[in-house]
Amino acid sequence: MLLSTLLTAAAVFSACGNDPAPSVTPSSGEVTAIPTETSSEEATLPEPAPSFTAVDLSGNEVTDAIFSGHKLTMVNIWGTFCGPCIREMPELGKLSAEYADKGVQIIGIICDSADYAYHPVDSVLTSAQSIIMQTGANYRHLVLSESLSARFMQGVTAVPTTFFVDETGETIGEAVIGSRSYEQWKAVFEKLLSEAE
């Protein structure tokens, strides 16, 4: 069942296109390809801030207004099938707590959380909740919706893929493909925060 769901989700993702982006950070961390016929380590930066509606794992509605009031939002796309994603989640949990009072938030998007018609997959959501609890990644995680996919999944063929967004919802910096250490992510946070001042 899970394999079927992943393959179905992969079909949705590959339908979004695999156009290469000129400003993508080469991967120096571990990545897991989203199962597709082709895979690359390039991701297209999301277009400027189309609105979206989704729900978090608690069933609360979330819109693009989530970025307001935060200098910087890290959007981390991960999957329950992805070892590198899960291994970096404790680091992201620490960073979320450490940077909360500096105007930074982290949001996770669970790429395998919905089927091809964007219906939530209960078994994946249960697995995601378990992973979050075990890793201490206690920031907000969103269930994939059609509008959320249109906003962030364009050209994403591997996870983790991470984007940064300012408080207006505009994407800043470069897409980062692959997992990173606490120190590496902290350096990225500091650089982006200093540029925002």
Protein backbone atom coordinates (compact mmCIF):
# COMPACT_ATOMS: atom_id res chain seq x y z
CA MET A 1 0.00 0.00 0.00
CA LEU A 2 2.75 2.46 0.95
CA LEU A 3 4.74 1.65 -2.20
CA SER A 4 1.63 2.24 -4.28
CA THR A 5 1.07 5.57 -2.56
CA LEU A 6 4.68 6.64 -3.13
CA LEU A 7 4.55 5.72 -6.81
CA THR A 8 1.29 7.60 -7.18
CA ALA A 9 2.72 10.63 -5.40
CA ALA A 10 5.79 10.42 -7.63
CA ALA A 11 3.58 10.61 -10.69
CA VAL A 12 2.06 13.82 -9.36
CA PHE A 13 5.48 15.28 -8.63
CA SER A 14 6.94 14.36 -12.02
CA ALA A 15 3.92 15.96 -13.68
CA CYS A 16 5.00 19.28 -12.16
CA GLY A 17 8.04 19.28 -14.43
CA ASN A 18 11.77 18.87 -14.01
CA ASP A 19 12.93 22.20 -15.40
CA PRO A 20 16.44 22.94 -14.16
CA ALA A 21 16.97 26.07 -12.13
CA PRO A 22 19.99 28.29 -12.58
CA SER A 23 20.40 28.99 -8.87
CA VAL A 24 20.46 25.68 -7.05
CA THR A 25 22.97 24.76 -4.39
CA PRO A 26 24.77 21.55 -5.38
CA SER A 27 24.06 18.79 -2.93
CA SER A 28 26.75 18.11 -0.37
CA GLY A 29 24.41 16.24 1.94
CA GLU A 30 22.48 13.02 1.63
CA VAL A 31 19.38 12.93 -0.54
CA THR A 32 16.70 10.41 -1.35
CA ALA A 33 15.17 10.58 -4.80
CA ILE A 34 11.41 10.79 -4.93
CA PRO A 35 10.60 7.65 -6.92
CA THR A 36 10.19 8.78 -10.52
CA GLU A 37 11.32 7.58 -13.91
CA THR A 38 14.07 10.18 -13.85
CA SER A 39 15.84 11.86 -10.99
CA SER A 40 18.13 14.84 -10.69
CA GLU A 41 19.62 16.97 -7.96
CA GLU A 42 18.08 20.16 -9.27
CA ALA A 43 15.02 21.93 -7.90
CA THR A 44 13.25 24.92 -9.27
CA LEU A 45 12.82 27.79 -6.86
CA PRO A 46 9.11 28.35 -6.23
CA GLU A 47 7.49 31.21 -8.11
CA PRO A 48 6.61 34.29 -6.08
CA ALA A 49 4.05 33.52 -3.41
CA PRO A 50 0.92 32.04 -4.95
CA SER A 51 -1.59 31.55 -2.18
CA PHE A 52 -2.18 28.10 -0.75
CA THR A 53 -4.39 26.33 1.73
CA ALA A 54 -3.39 23.17 3.56
CA VAL A 55 -3.79 21.53 6.95
CA ASP A 56 -1.20 20.65 9.53
CA LEU A 57 -0.97 17.29 11.28
CA SER A 58 -3.42 18.50 13.92
CA GLY A 59 -6.01 19.30 11.25
CA ASN A 60 -5.64 23.08 11.57
CA GLU A 61 -6.00 25.07 8.36
CA VAL A 62 -2.85 26.84 7.20
CA THR A 63 -2.57 29.47 4.47
CA ASP A 64 0.24 31.56 3.05
CA ALA A 65 -0.45 33.97 5.94
CA ILE A 66 1.76 31.62 7.99
CA PHE A 67 4.83 33.55 6.78
CA SER A 68 3.64 36.88 8.18
CA GLY A 69 5.48 38.05 11.27
CA HIS A 70 8.56 35.89 10.62
CA LYS A 71 11.73 37.33 9.16
CA LEU A 72 12.64 33.93 7.78
CA THR A 73 10.77 30.68 7.22
CA MET A 74 12.56 27.47 6.37
CA VAL A 75 10.33 25.19 4.29
CA ASN A 76 11.71 21.66 4.52
CA ILE A 77 10.18 19.10 2.16
CA TRP A 78 10.61 15.59 3.54
CA GLY A 79 9.17 12.11 3.25
CA THR A 80 8.52 9.32 5.72
CA PHE A 81 10.48 6.99 3.40
CA CYS A 82 13.59 9.22 3.44
CA GLY A 83 16.44 8.29 5.79
CA PRO A 84 18.45 11.51 5.26
CA CYS A 85 15.32 13.58 5.96
CA ILE A 86 14.69 11.81 9.25
CA ARG A 87 18.35 11.93 10.31
CA GLU A 88 18.45 15.74 10.06
CA MET A 89 15.14 16.32 11.83
CA PRO A 90 16.62 16.37 15.38
CA GLU A 91 18.97 19.15 14.20
CA LEU A 92 16.04 21.07 12.72
CA GLY A 93 14.12 20.66 15.96
CA LYS A 94 17.01 22.23 17.88
CA LEU A 95 17.28 25.08 15.40
CA SER A 96 13.53 25.71 15.54
CA ALA A 97 13.68 26.18 19.31
CA GLU A 98 16.89 28.21 19.19
CA TYR A 99 15.78 30.65 16.48
CA ALA A 100 12.09 31.07 17.43
CA ASP A 101 12.79 34.32 19.29
CA LYS A 102 14.84 35.64 16.35
CA GLY A 103 11.86 35.68 13.99
CA VAL A 104 12.63 32.34 12.33
CA GLN A 105 10.25 29.43 11.90
CA ILE A 106 10.58 26.00 10.32
CA ILE A 107 7.75 24.33 8.44
CA GLY A 108 7.87 20.75 7.22
CA ILE A 109 5.95 19.57 4.15
CA ILE A 110 5.41 15.81 4.16
CA CYS A 111 5.68 14.97 0.46
CA ASP A 112 4.11 11.50 0.71
CA SER A 113 1.23 12.53 2.98
CA ALA A 114 -1.45 12.60 0.26
CA ASP A 115 -2.43 10.43 -2.69
CA TYR A 116 -2.64 11.49 -6.34
CA ALA A 117 -5.99 13.22 -5.68
CA TYR A 118 -4.55 14.97 -2.59
CA HIS A 119 -6.49 12.88 -0.10
CA PRO A 120 -4.50 12.39 3.12
CA VAL A 121 -3.00 8.91 3.56
CA ASP A 122 -3.73 7.91 7.15
CA SER A 123 -0.92 5.36 7.44
CA VAL A 124 1.65 7.93 6.28
CA LEU A 125 0.28 10.57 8.66
CA THR A 126 0.56 8.11 11.55
CA SER A 127 4.14 7.31 10.55
CA ALA A 128 4.95 11.02 10.22
CA GLN A 129 3.61 11.75 13.71
CA SER A 130 5.74 8.96 15.13
CA ILE A 131 8.86 10.22 13.34
CA ILE A 132 8.25 13.78 14.56
CA MET A 133 7.82 12.61 18.14
CA GLN A 134 10.95 10.42 18.02
CA THR A 135 13.15 13.11 16.44
CA GLY A 136 11.91 16.09 18.45
CA ALA A 137 11.07 17.97 15.25
CA ASN A 138 8.27 19.81 17.02
CA TYR A 139 7.72 22.50 14.43
CA ARG A 140 4.66 22.65 12.18
CA HIS A 141 4.30 19.96 9.50
CA LEU A 142 1.85 20.31 6.62
CA VAL A 143 -0.11 17.69 4.71
CA LEU A 144 0.35 18.06 0.97
CA SER A 145 -2.55 19.79 -0.79
CA GLU A 146 -2.93 20.69 -4.44
CA SER A 147 -2.24 24.38 -3.86
CA LEU A 148 0.68 23.64 -1.52
CA SER A 149 2.12 21.32 -4.16
CA ALA A 150 1.75 24.03 -6.80
CA ARG A 151 3.58 26.47 -4.51
CA PHE A 152 6.51 24.32 -3.39
CA MET A 153 6.80 21.04 -5.30
CA GLN A 154 7.59 22.39 -8.78
CA GLY A 155 10.63 20.51 -10.05
CA VAL A 156 11.36 18.76 -6.75
CA THR A 157 12.66 15.26 -7.48
CA ALA A 158 14.62 14.52 -4.31
CA VAL A 159 14.16 15.02 -0.60
CA PRO A 160 15.04 16.69 1.58
CA THR A 161 14.69 19.86 -0.46
CA THR A 162 14.62 23.11 1.46
CA PHE A 163 13.56 26.64 0.53
CA PHE A 164 13.64 29.87 2.51
CA VAL A 165 10.83 32.39 2.44
CA ASP A 166 10.54 35.93 3.81
CA GLU A 167 7.56 37.33 5.71
CA THR A 168 5.77 38.31 2.48
CA GLY A 169 6.05 34.76 1.14
CA GLU A 170 8.78 35.55 -1.37
CA THR A 171 11.42 32.86 -1.84
CA ILE A 172 14.90 34.05 -0.90
CA GLY A 173 18.33 32.52 -1.31
CA GLU A 174 18.75 29.23 -3.13
CA ALA A 175 17.09 25.85 -2.97
CA VAL A 176 19.12 23.46 -0.85
CA ILE A 177 18.99 19.81 -1.79
CA GLY A 178 20.14 17.21 0.70
CA SER A 179 20.49 16.99 4.45
CA ARG A 180 22.78 19.28 6.43
CA SER A 181 24.24 19.31 9.91
CA TYR A 182 23.19 21.65 12.71
CA GLU A 183 26.29 23.79 12.09
CA GLN A 184 25.67 24.00 8.34
CA TRP A 185 22.03 25.03 8.77
CA LYS A 186 22.95 27.53 11.48
CA ALA A 187 25.41 29.19 9.08
CA VAL A 188 22.66 29.45 6.45
CA PHE A 189 20.25 30.96 8.99
CA GLU A 190 22.81 33.53 10.12
CA LYS A 191 23.68 34.50 6.54
CA LEU A 192 20.04 34.94 5.48
CA LEU A 193 19.15 36.84 8.65
CA SER A 194 22.09 39.23 8.20
CA GLU A 195 21.06 39.85 4.59
CA ALA A 196 17.49 40.59 5.71
CA GLU A 197 18.61 43.41 8.03
